[in-house]
Full PDB file with SEQRES, HELIX, SHEET, SSBOND, CRYST1, ORIGX, SCALE, CONECT and MASTER records, all heavy atoms in Angstrom:
SEQRES   1 A   38  SER ARG ASP ASN ALA GLN ASN THR VAL TYR LEU GLN MET          
SEQRES   2 A   38  ASN SER LEU ARG PRO GLU ASP THR ALA VAL TYR TYR CYS          
SEQRES   3 A   38  ALA ALA SER PHE GLN PRO ILE SER THR THR ILE SER              
HELIX    1 AA1 PRO A   18  ASP A   20  5                                   3    
SHEET    1 AA1 2 ARG A   2  ASP A   3  0                                        
SHEET    2 AA1 2 THR A   8  VAL A   9 -1                                        
CRYST1    1.000    1.000    1.000  90.00  90.00  90.00 P 1           1          
ORIGX1      1.000000  0.000000  0.000000        0.00000                         
ORIGX2      0.000000  1.000000  0.000000        0.00000                         
ORIGX3      0.000000  0.000000  1.000000        0.00000                         
SCALE1      1.000000  0.000000  0.000000        0.00000                         
SCALE2      0.000000  1.000000  0.000000        0.00000                         
SCALE3      0.000000  0.000000  1.000000        0.00000                         
ATOM      1  N   SER A   1      -3.434   4.376  -0.988  1.00  0.00           N  
ATOM      2  CA  SER A   1      -3.173   5.543  -1.871  1.00  0.00           C  
ATOM      3  C   SER A   1      -1.726   5.754  -1.787  1.00  0.00           C  
ATOM      4  O   SER A   1      -0.938   5.106  -1.159  1.00  0.00           O  
ATOM      5  CB  SER A   1      -3.971   6.716  -1.244  1.00  0.00           C  
ATOM      6  OG  SER A   1      -3.435   6.940   0.098  1.00  0.00           O  
ATOM      7  N   ARG A   2      -1.290   6.848  -2.663  1.00  0.00           N  
ATOM      8  CA  ARG A   2       0.030   7.169  -2.745  1.00  0.00           C  
ATOM      9  C   ARG A   2       0.280   8.556  -3.026  1.00  0.00           C  
ATOM     10  O   ARG A   2      -0.660   9.171  -3.566  1.00  0.00           O  
ATOM     11  CB  ARG A   2       0.837   6.327  -3.837  1.00  0.00           C  
ATOM     12  CG  ARG A   2       0.479   6.571  -5.256  1.00  0.00           C  
ATOM     13  CD  ARG A   2       0.975   5.496  -6.108  1.00  0.00           C  
ATOM     14  NE  ARG A   2       2.509   5.529  -6.097  1.00  0.00           N  
ATOM     15  CZ  ARG A   2       3.264   4.507  -6.302  1.00  0.00           C  
ATOM     16  NH1 ARG A   2       2.662   3.361  -6.623  1.00  0.00           N  
ATOM     17  NH2 ARG A   2       4.540   4.646  -6.367  1.00  0.00           N  
ATOM     18  N   ASP A   3       1.401   9.218  -2.574  1.00  0.00           N  
ATOM     19  CA  ASP A   3       1.771  10.549  -2.965  1.00  0.00           C  
ATOM     20  C   ASP A   3       3.236  10.434  -3.505  1.00  0.00           C  
ATOM     21  O   ASP A   3       4.157  10.207  -2.740  1.00  0.00           O  
ATOM     22  CB  ASP A   3       1.826  11.290  -1.623  1.00  0.00           C  
ATOM     23  CG  ASP A   3       2.101  12.746  -1.941  1.00  0.00           C  
ATOM     24  OD1 ASP A   3       2.706  13.135  -2.978  1.00  0.00           O  
ATOM     25  OD2 ASP A   3       1.881  13.551  -1.028  1.00  0.00           O  
ATOM     26  N   ASN A   4       3.305  10.419  -4.824  1.00  0.00           N  
ATOM     27  CA  ASN A   4       4.620  10.356  -5.479  1.00  0.00           C  
ATOM     28  C   ASN A   4       5.602  11.480  -5.250  1.00  0.00           C  
ATOM     29  O   ASN A   4       6.760  11.255  -5.186  1.00  0.00           O  
ATOM     30  CB  ASN A   4       4.436  10.123  -7.028  1.00  0.00           C  
ATOM     31  CG  ASN A   4       3.879   8.708  -7.333  1.00  0.00           C  
ATOM     32  OD1 ASN A   4       4.031   7.798  -6.579  1.00  0.00           O  
ATOM     33  ND2 ASN A   4       3.300   8.604  -8.474  1.00  0.00           N  
ATOM     34  N   ALA A   5       4.995  12.624  -4.902  1.00  0.00           N  
ATOM     35  CA  ALA A   5       5.878  13.701  -4.586  1.00  0.00           C  
ATOM     36  C   ALA A   5       6.577  13.541  -3.278  1.00  0.00           C  
ATOM     37  O   ALA A   5       7.656  14.012  -3.116  1.00  0.00           O  
ATOM     38  CB  ALA A   5       5.046  15.015  -4.612  1.00  0.00           C  
ATOM     39  N   GLN A   6       5.969  12.788  -2.445  1.00  0.00           N  
ATOM     40  CA  GLN A   6       6.407  12.343  -1.056  1.00  0.00           C  
ATOM     41  C   GLN A   6       7.120  11.050  -1.079  1.00  0.00           C  
ATOM     42  O   GLN A   6       7.556  10.611   0.019  1.00  0.00           O  
ATOM     43  CB  GLN A   6       5.365  12.572   0.013  1.00  0.00           C  
ATOM     44  CG  GLN A   6       4.753  13.932   0.196  1.00  0.00           C  
ATOM     45  CD  GLN A   6       5.898  14.954   0.605  1.00  0.00           C  
ATOM     46  OE1 GLN A   6       6.611  14.550   1.563  1.00  0.00           O  
ATOM     47  NE2 GLN A   6       5.713  16.146   0.154  1.00  0.00           N  
ATOM     48  N   ASN A   7       7.082  10.264  -2.184  1.00  0.00           N  
ATOM     49  CA  ASN A   7       7.688   8.943  -2.350  1.00  0.00           C  
ATOM     50  C   ASN A   7       7.105   8.010  -1.113  1.00  0.00           C  
ATOM     51  O   ASN A   7       7.761   7.271  -0.486  1.00  0.00           O  
ATOM     52  CB  ASN A   7       9.228   9.032  -2.132  1.00  0.00           C  
ATOM     53  CG  ASN A   7       9.917   9.337  -3.394  1.00  0.00           C  
ATOM     54  OD1 ASN A   7       9.289   9.506  -4.383  1.00  0.00           O  
ATOM     55  ND2 ASN A   7      11.075   9.525  -3.351  1.00  0.00           N  
ATOM     56  N   THR A   8       5.683   8.103  -1.000  1.00  0.00           N  
ATOM     57  CA  THR A   8       5.008   7.404   0.069  1.00  0.00           C  
ATOM     58  C   THR A   8       3.767   6.739  -0.358  1.00  0.00           C  
ATOM     59  O   THR A   8       3.148   7.320  -1.133  1.00  0.00           O  
ATOM     60  CB  THR A   8       4.814   8.469   1.307  1.00  0.00           C  
ATOM     61  OG1 THR A   8       6.030   9.044   1.744  1.00  0.00           O  
ATOM     62  CG2 THR A   8       4.197   7.728   2.525  1.00  0.00           C  
ATOM     63  N   VAL A   9       3.592   5.594   0.144  1.00  0.00           N  
ATOM     64  CA  VAL A   9       2.303   4.866  -0.015  1.00  0.00           C  
ATOM     65  C   VAL A   9       1.735   4.685   1.328  1.00  0.00           C  
ATOM     66  O   VAL A   9       2.276   4.462   2.295  1.00  0.00           O  
ATOM     67  CB  VAL A   9       2.648   3.485  -0.727  1.00  0.00           C  
ATOM     68  CG1 VAL A   9       1.353   2.677  -0.725  1.00  0.00           C  
ATOM     69  CG2 VAL A   9       3.237   3.640  -2.061  1.00  0.00           C  
ATOM     70  N   TYR A  10       0.443   4.874   1.266  1.00  0.00           N  
ATOM     71  CA  TYR A  10      -0.435   4.814   2.537  1.00  0.00           C  
ATOM     72  C   TYR A  10      -1.406   3.611   2.427  1.00  0.00           C  
ATOM     73  O   TYR A  10      -1.864   3.187   1.480  1.00  0.00           O  
ATOM     74  CB  TYR A  10      -1.136   6.137   2.714  1.00  0.00           C  
ATOM     75  CG  TYR A  10      -0.293   7.326   2.736  1.00  0.00           C  
ATOM     76  CD1 TYR A  10      -0.168   8.126   1.616  1.00  0.00           C  
ATOM     77  CD2 TYR A  10       0.359   7.739   3.790  1.00  0.00           C  
ATOM     78  CE1 TYR A  10       0.573   9.176   1.518  1.00  0.00           C  
ATOM     79  CE2 TYR A  10       1.231   8.855   3.866  1.00  0.00           C  
ATOM     80  CZ  TYR A  10       1.271   9.553   2.805  1.00  0.00           C  
ATOM     81  OH  TYR A  10       2.079  10.720   2.835  1.00  0.00           O  
ATOM     82  N   LEU A  11      -1.739   3.219   3.610  1.00  0.00           N  
ATOM     83  CA  LEU A  11      -2.868   2.236   3.840  1.00  0.00           C  
ATOM     84  C   LEU A  11      -3.759   2.745   4.989  1.00  0.00           C  
ATOM     85  O   LEU A  11      -3.352   2.659   6.186  1.00  0.00           O  
ATOM     86  CB  LEU A  11      -2.387   0.855   4.229  1.00  0.00           C  
ATOM     87  CG  LEU A  11      -3.550  -0.269   4.243  1.00  0.00           C  
ATOM     88  CD1 LEU A  11      -4.130  -0.469   2.882  1.00  0.00           C  
ATOM     89  CD2 LEU A  11      -2.987  -1.493   4.734  1.00  0.00           C  
ATOM     90  N   GLN A  12      -4.884   3.368   4.689  1.00  0.00           N  
ATOM     91  CA  GLN A  12      -5.828   3.886   5.632  1.00  0.00           C  
ATOM     92  C   GLN A  12      -6.671   2.680   6.126  1.00  0.00           C  
ATOM     93  O   GLN A  12      -7.322   2.038   5.294  1.00  0.00           O  
ATOM     94  CB  GLN A  12      -6.658   4.946   5.050  1.00  0.00           C  
ATOM     95  CG  GLN A  12      -7.809   5.379   6.093  1.00  0.00           C  
ATOM     96  CD  GLN A  12      -7.210   6.113   7.344  1.00  0.00           C  
ATOM     97  OE1 GLN A  12      -6.163   6.962   7.059  1.00  0.00           O  
ATOM     98  NE2 GLN A  12      -7.627   5.879   8.447  1.00  0.00           N  
ATOM     99  N   MET A  13      -6.694   2.329   7.317  1.00  0.00           N  
ATOM    100  CA  MET A  13      -7.347   1.218   7.819  1.00  0.00           C  
ATOM    101  C   MET A  13      -8.515   1.566   8.775  1.00  0.00           C  
ATOM    102  O   MET A  13      -8.084   2.193   9.900  1.00  0.00           O  
ATOM    103  CB  MET A  13      -6.401   0.216   8.631  1.00  0.00           C  
ATOM    104  CG  MET A  13      -5.264  -0.237   7.671  1.00  0.00           C  
ATOM    105  SD  MET A  13      -4.277  -1.573   8.498  1.00  0.00           S  
ATOM    106  CE  MET A  13      -3.670  -0.617   9.876  1.00  0.00           C  
ATOM    107  N   ASN A  14      -9.796   1.406   8.521  1.00  0.00           N  
ATOM    108  CA  ASN A  14     -10.915   1.815   9.353  1.00  0.00           C  
ATOM    109  C   ASN A  14     -11.575   0.599   9.821  1.00  0.00           C  
ATOM    110  O   ASN A  14     -11.402  -0.555   9.180  1.00  0.00           O  
ATOM    111  CB  ASN A  14     -11.783   2.762   8.586  1.00  0.00           C  
ATOM    112  CG  ASN A  14     -11.074   4.051   8.112  1.00  0.00           C  
ATOM    113  OD1 ASN A  14     -10.226   4.578   8.866  1.00  0.00           O  
ATOM    114  ND2 ASN A  14     -11.616   4.579   7.025  1.00  0.00           N  
ATOM    115  N   SER A  15     -12.436   0.716  10.839  1.00  0.00           N  
ATOM    116  CA  SER A  15     -13.327  -0.305  11.294  1.00  0.00           C  
ATOM    117  C   SER A  15     -12.498  -1.569  11.478  1.00  0.00           C  
ATOM    118  O   SER A  15     -12.894  -2.676  11.100  1.00  0.00           O  
ATOM    119  CB  SER A  15     -14.422  -0.608  10.337  1.00  0.00           C  
ATOM    120  OG  SER A  15     -15.156   0.451  10.057  1.00  0.00           O  
ATOM    121  N   LEU A  16     -11.323  -1.436  12.210  1.00  0.00           N  
ATOM    122  CA  LEU A  16     -10.478  -2.557  12.377  1.00  0.00           C  
ATOM    123  C   LEU A  16     -10.993  -3.697  13.316  1.00  0.00           C  
ATOM    124  O   LEU A  16     -11.834  -3.428  14.201  1.00  0.00           O  
ATOM    125  CB  LEU A  16      -9.089  -2.032  13.009  1.00  0.00           C  
ATOM    126  CG  LEU A  16      -8.147  -1.381  12.044  1.00  0.00           C  
ATOM    127  CD1 LEU A  16      -7.187  -0.452  12.807  1.00  0.00           C  
ATOM    128  CD2 LEU A  16      -7.347  -2.454  11.256  1.00  0.00           C  
ATOM    129  N   ARG A  17     -10.679  -4.833  12.982  1.00  0.00           N  
ATOM    130  CA  ARG A  17     -11.126  -6.116  13.751  1.00  0.00           C  
ATOM    131  C   ARG A  17     -10.021  -6.802  14.139  1.00  0.00           C  
ATOM    132  O   ARG A  17      -8.826  -6.799  13.803  1.00  0.00           O  
ATOM    133  CB  ARG A  17     -11.883  -6.879  12.729  1.00  0.00           C  
ATOM    134  CG  ARG A  17     -13.021  -6.280  11.959  1.00  0.00           C  
ATOM    135  CD  ARG A  17     -13.429  -7.143  10.824  1.00  0.00           C  
ATOM    136  NE  ARG A  17     -14.517  -6.499   9.993  1.00  0.00           N  
ATOM    137  CZ  ARG A  17     -15.009  -6.954   8.835  1.00  0.00           C  
ATOM    138  NH1 ARG A  17     -14.387  -7.994   8.276  1.00  0.00           N  
ATOM    139  NH2 ARG A  17     -15.979  -6.417   8.211  1.00  0.00           N  
ATOM    140  N   PRO A  18     -10.128  -7.660  15.264  1.00  0.00           N  
ATOM    141  CA  PRO A  18      -9.037  -8.455  15.908  1.00  0.00           C  
ATOM    142  C   PRO A  18      -8.377  -9.322  14.778  1.00  0.00           C  
ATOM    143  O   PRO A  18      -7.190  -9.533  14.891  1.00  0.00           O  
ATOM    144  CB  PRO A  18      -9.850  -9.257  17.011  1.00  0.00           C  
ATOM    145  CG  PRO A  18     -10.997  -8.371  17.329  1.00  0.00           C  
ATOM    146  CD  PRO A  18     -11.459  -7.643  16.059  1.00  0.00           C  
ATOM    147  N   GLU A  19      -9.222  -9.749  13.799  1.00  0.00           N  
ATOM    148  CA  GLU A  19      -8.582 -10.709  12.754  1.00  0.00           C  
ATOM    149  C   GLU A  19      -7.623  -9.705  11.887  1.00  0.00           C  
ATOM    150  O   GLU A  19      -6.987 -10.531  10.995  1.00  0.00           O  
ATOM    151  CB  GLU A  19      -9.652 -11.463  11.959  1.00  0.00           C  
ATOM    152  CG  GLU A  19     -10.698 -10.485  11.401  1.00  0.00           C  
ATOM    153  CD  GLU A  19     -11.968 -10.475  12.270  1.00  0.00           C  
ATOM    154  OE1 GLU A  19     -11.822 -10.325  13.524  1.00  0.00           O  
ATOM    155  OE2 GLU A  19     -13.039 -10.392  11.552  1.00  0.00           O  
ATOM    156  N   ASP A  20      -7.551  -8.559  12.018  1.00  0.00           N  
ATOM    157  CA  ASP A  20      -6.672  -7.686  11.130  1.00  0.00           C  
ATOM    158  C   ASP A  20      -5.218  -7.625  11.902  1.00  0.00           C  
ATOM    159  O   ASP A  20      -4.353  -7.153  11.295  1.00  0.00           O  
ATOM    160  CB  ASP A  20      -7.168  -6.319  10.989  1.00  0.00           C  
ATOM    161  CG  ASP A  20      -8.410  -6.223  10.277  1.00  0.00           C  
ATOM    162  OD1 ASP A  20      -8.515  -6.923   9.123  1.00  0.00           O  
ATOM    163  OD2 ASP A  20      -9.334  -5.445  10.559  1.00  0.00           O  
ATOM    164  N   THR A  21      -5.179  -8.282  13.045  1.00  0.00           N  
ATOM    165  CA  THR A  21      -3.871  -8.197  13.777  1.00  0.00           C  
ATOM    166  C   THR A  21      -2.844  -8.967  12.923  1.00  0.00           C  
ATOM    167  O   THR A  21      -3.128 -10.134  12.558  1.00  0.00           O  
ATOM    168  CB  THR A  21      -4.171  -8.871  15.119  1.00  0.00           C  
ATOM    169  OG1 THR A  21      -4.874  -7.998  15.941  1.00  0.00           O  
ATOM    170  CG2 THR A  21      -2.717  -9.082  15.814  1.00  0.00           C  
ATOM    171  N   ALA A  22      -1.683  -8.296  12.689  1.00  0.00           N  
ATOM    172  CA  ALA A  22      -0.675  -8.966  11.815  1.00  0.00           C  
ATOM    173  C   ALA A  22       0.471  -7.957  11.756  1.00  0.00           C  
ATOM    174  O   ALA A  22       0.401  -6.750  12.131  1.00  0.00           O  
ATOM    175  CB  ALA A  22      -1.168  -9.193  10.421  1.00  0.00           C  
ATOM    176  N   VAL A  23       1.521  -8.437  11.208  1.00  0.00           N  
ATOM    177  CA  VAL A  23       2.592  -7.656  10.737  1.00  0.00           C  
ATOM    178  C   VAL A  23       2.287  -7.213   9.195  1.00  0.00           C  
ATOM    179  O   VAL A  23       2.067  -8.141   8.391  1.00  0.00           O  
ATOM    180  CB  VAL A  23       4.016  -8.257  10.848  1.00  0.00           C  
ATOM    181  CG1 VAL A  23       5.064  -7.401  10.300  1.00  0.00           C  
ATOM    182  CG2 VAL A  23       4.280  -8.686  12.316  1.00  0.00           C  
ATOM    183  N   TYR A  24       2.388  -5.891   9.057  1.00  0.00           N  
ATOM    184  CA  TYR A  24       2.042  -5.315   7.661  1.00  0.00           C  
ATOM    185  C   TYR A  24       3.257  -4.957   6.953  1.00  0.00           C  
ATOM    186  O   TYR A  24       4.085  -4.264   7.460  1.00  0.00           O  
ATOM    187  CB  TYR A  24       1.051  -4.197   7.752  1.00  0.00           C  
ATOM    188  CG  TYR A  24      -0.336  -4.595   8.186  1.00  0.00           C  
ATOM    189  CD1 TYR A  24      -0.691  -5.147   9.439  1.00  0.00           C  
ATOM    190  CD2 TYR A  24      -1.400  -4.533   7.221  1.00  0.00           C  
ATOM    191  CE1 TYR A  24      -2.051  -5.535   9.744  1.00  0.00           C  
ATOM    192  CE2 TYR A  24      -2.623  -4.837   7.498  1.00  0.00           C  
ATOM    193  CZ  TYR A  24      -3.016  -5.380   8.677  1.00  0.00           C  
ATOM    194  OH  TYR A  24      -4.244  -5.793   8.865  1.00  0.00           O  
ATOM    195  N   TYR A  25       3.376  -5.462   5.811  1.00  0.00           N  
ATOM    196  CA  TYR A  25       4.570  -5.290   4.903  1.00  0.00           C  
ATOM    197  C   TYR A  25       4.165  -4.400   3.729  1.00  0.00           C  
ATOM    198  O   TYR A  25       3.203  -4.666   2.986  1.00  0.00           O  
ATOM    199  CB  TYR A  25       5.203  -6.530   4.517  1.00  0.00           C  
ATOM    200  CG  TYR A  25       5.595  -7.314   5.589  1.00  0.00           C  
ATOM    201  CD1 TYR A  25       4.774  -8.322   6.191  1.00  0.00           C  
ATOM    202  CD2 TYR A  25       6.944  -7.228   5.921  1.00  0.00           C  
ATOM    203  CE1 TYR A  25       5.320  -9.270   7.155  1.00  0.00           C  
ATOM    204  CE2 TYR A  25       7.523  -8.122   7.043  1.00  0.00           C  
ATOM    205  CZ  TYR A  25       6.659  -9.019   7.634  1.00  0.00           C  
ATOM    206  OH  TYR A  25       7.088  -9.878   8.713  1.00  0.00           O  
ATOM    207  N   CYS A  26       5.111  -3.477   3.385  1.00  0.00           N  
ATOM    208  CA  CYS A  26       5.039  -2.705   2.057  1.00  0.00           C  
ATOM    209  C   CYS A  26       5.880  -3.395   1.162  1.00  0.00           C  
ATOM    210  O   CYS A  26       7.004  -3.864   1.442  1.00  0.00           O  
ATOM    211  CB  CYS A  26       5.409  -1.330   2.387  1.00  0.00           C  
ATOM    212  SG  CYS A  26       5.473  -0.332   0.979  1.00  0.00           S  
ATOM    213  N   ALA A  27       5.525  -3.343  -0.231  1.00  0.00           N  
ATOM    214  CA  ALA A  27       6.266  -3.964  -1.295  1.00  0.00           C  
ATOM    215  C   ALA A  27       6.222  -3.166  -2.500  1.00  0.00           C  
ATOM    216  O   ALA A  27       5.307  -2.316  -2.682  1.00  0.00           O  
ATOM    217  CB  ALA A  27       5.791  -5.342  -1.578  1.00  0.00           C  
ATOM    218  N   ALA A  28       7.291  -3.239  -3.333  1.00  0.00           N  
ATOM    219  CA  ALA A  28       7.269  -2.342  -4.569  1.00  0.00           C  
ATOM    220  C   ALA A  28       8.056  -3.062  -5.591  1.00  0.00           C  
ATOM    221  O   ALA A  28       8.872  -3.921  -5.408  1.00  0.00           O  
ATOM    222  CB  ALA A  28       7.984  -0.999  -4.255  1.00  0.00           C  
ATOM    223  N   SER A  29       7.599  -2.741  -6.883  1.00  0.00           N  
ATOM    224  CA  SER A  29       8.333  -3.253  -7.962  1.00  0.00           C  
ATOM    225  C   SER A  29       8.169  -2.227  -9.158  1.00  0.00           C  
ATOM    226  O   SER A  29       7.285  -1.752  -9.291  1.00  0.00           O  
ATOM    227  CB  SER A  29       7.879  -4.593  -8.406  1.00  0.00           C  
ATOM    228  OG  SER A  29       6.417  -4.496  -8.802  1.00  0.00           O  
ATOM    229  N   PHE A  30       9.310  -2.200 -10.005  1.00  0.00           N  
ATOM    230  CA  PHE A  30       9.255  -1.421 -11.200  1.00  0.00           C  
ATOM    231  C   PHE A  30       8.331  -1.880 -12.154  1.00  0.00           C  
ATOM    232  O   PHE A  30       8.214  -2.974 -12.438  1.00  0.00           O  
ATOM    233  CB  PHE A  30      10.617  -1.139 -11.801  1.00  0.00           C  
ATOM    234  CG  PHE A  30      10.626  -0.541 -13.046  1.00  0.00           C  
ATOM    235  CD1 PHE A  30      10.464   0.903 -13.212  1.00  0.00           C  
ATOM    236  CD2 PHE A  30      10.712  -1.186 -14.289  1.00  0.00           C  
ATOM    237  CE1 PHE A  30      10.411   1.596 -14.366  1.00  0.00           C  
ATOM    238  CE2 PHE A  30      10.654  -0.592 -15.536  1.00  0.00           C  
ATOM    239  CZ  PHE A  30      10.486   0.915 -15.503  1.00  0.00           C  
ATOM    240  N   GLN A  31       7.393  -0.962 -12.732  1.00  0.00           N  
ATOM    241  CA  GLN A  31       6.600  -1.331 -13.725  1.00  0.00           C  
ATOM    242  C   GLN A  31       6.581  -0.302 -14.884  1.00  0.00           C  
ATOM    243  O   GLN A  31       6.433   0.808 -14.630  1.00  0.00           O  
ATOM    244  CB  GLN A  31       5.067  -1.343 -13.158  1.00  0.00           C  
ATOM    245  CG  GLN A  31       4.900  -2.474 -12.154  1.00  0.00           C  
ATOM    246  CD  GLN A  31       4.912  -3.900 -12.796  1.00  0.00           C  
ATOM    247  OE1 GLN A  31       4.808  -3.998 -13.950  1.00  0.00           O  
ATOM    248  NE2 GLN A  31       5.043  -4.841 -11.831  1.00  0.00           N  
ATOM    249  N   PRO A  32       6.749  -0.750 -16.206  1.00  0.00           N  
ATOM    250  CA  PRO A  32       6.886   0.106 -17.323  1.00  0.00           C  
ATOM    251  C   PRO A  32       5.465   0.767 -17.690  1.00  0.00           C  
ATOM    252  O   PRO A  32       5.431   1.796 -18.363  1.00  0.00           O  
ATOM    253  CB  PRO A  32       7.394  -0.798 -18.380  1.00  0.00           C  
ATOM    254  CG  PRO A  32       7.085  -2.159 -17.984  1.00  0.00           C  
ATOM    255  CD  PRO A  32       7.055  -2.221 -16.599  1.00  0.00           C  
ATOM    256  N   ILE A  33       4.322  -0.016 -17.218  1.00  0.00           N  
ATOM    257  CA  ILE A  33       3.119   0.435 -17.496  1.00  0.00           C  
ATOM    258  C   ILE A  33       2.511   1.149 -16.276  1.00  0.00           C  
ATOM    259  O   ILE A  33       2.466   0.515 -15.288  1.00  0.00           O  
ATOM    260  CB  ILE A  33       2.246  -0.696 -18.080  1.00  0.00           C  
ATOM    261  CG1 ILE A  33       2.824  -1.212 -19.277  1.00  0.00           C  
ATOM    262  CG2 ILE A  33       0.779  -0.155 -18.342  1.00  0.00           C  
ATOM    263  CD1 ILE A  33       2.176  -2.502 -19.826  1.00  0.00           C  
ATOM    264  N   SER A  34       1.852   2.336 -16.490  1.00  0.00           N  
ATOM    265  CA  SER A  34       1.495   3.045 -15.350  1.00  0.00           C  
ATOM    266  C   SER A  34       0.261   2.556 -14.550  1.00  0.00           C  
ATOM    267  O   SER A  34       0.086   2.868 -13.360  1.00  0.00           O  
ATOM    268  CB  SER A  34       1.117   4.461 -15.802  1.00  0.00           C  
ATOM    269  OG  SER A  34      -0.038   4.500 -16.624  1.00  0.00           O  
ATOM    270  N   THR A  35      -0.510   1.613 -15.153  1.00  0.00           N  
ATOM    271  CA  THR A  35      -1.679   1.053 -14.613  1.00  0.00           C  
ATOM    272  C   THR A  35      -1.503  -0.352 -14.002  1.00  0.00           C  
ATOM    273  O   THR A  35      -2.582  -0.857 -13.534  1.00  0.00           O  
ATOM    274  CB  THR A  35      -2.844   1.047 -15.549  1.00  0.00           C  
ATOM    275  OG1 THR A  35      -2.472   0.306 -16.726  1.00  0.00           O  
ATOM    276  CG2 THR A  35      -3.213   2.542 -15.934  1.00  0.00           C  
ATOM    277  N   THR A  36      -0.333  -0.910 -14.201  1.00  0.00           N  
ATOM    278  CA  THR A  36      -0.096  -2.264 -13.718  1.00  0.00           C  
ATOM    279  C   THR A  36      -0.146  -2.347 -12.203  1.00  0.00           C  
ATOM    280  O   THR A  36       0.478  -1.495 -11.470  1.00  0.00           O  
ATOM    281  CB  THR A  36       1.124  -2.807 -14.133  1.00  0.00           C  
ATOM    282  OG1 THR A  36       1.172  -2.791 -15.661  1.00  0.00           O  
ATOM    283  CG2 THR A  36       1.412  -4.301 -13.742  1.00  0.00           C  
ATOM    284  N   ILE A  37      -0.872  -3.393 -11.706  1.00  0.00           N  
ATOM    285  CA  ILE A  37      -0.875  -3.797 -10.291  1.00  0.00           C  
ATOM    286  C   ILE A  37      -0.746  -5.289 -10.148  1.00  0.00           C  
ATOM    287  O   ILE A  37      -0.927  -5.975 -11.044  1.00  0.00           O  
ATOM    288  CB  ILE A  37      -2.094  -3.324  -9.474  1.00  0.00           C  
ATOM    289  CG1 ILE A  37      -3.360  -3.906 -10.081  1.00  0.00           C  
ATOM    290  CG2 ILE A  37      -2.160  -1.762  -9.479  1.00  0.00           C  
ATOM    291  CD1 ILE A  37      -4.655  -3.763  -9.227  1.00  0.00           C  
ATOM    292  N   SER A  38      -0.332  -5.782  -9.047  1.00  0.00           N  
ATOM    293  CA  SER A  38      -0.188  -7.155  -8.805  1.00  0.00           C  
ATOM    294  C   SER A  38      -0.661  -7.591  -7.409  1.00  0.00           C  
ATOM    295  O   SER A  38      -0.376  -6.832  -6.408  1.00  0.00           O  
ATOM    296  CB  SER A  38       1.138  -7.718  -9.112  1.00  0.00           C  
ATOM    297  OG  SER A  38       1.314  -9.067  -8.885  1.00  0.00           O  
TER     298      SER A  38                                                      
MASTER        0    0    0    1    2    0    0    6  297    1    0    3          
END                                                                             
């Protein structure tokens, strides 16, 4: 999810498993179209 007023993106992680162990990275890119994801 995201809160653009706070310039923040979130990742809520529930029911975590040992295989979720990792370094988690956030990434961003400018997109001219509001619905584009990659």
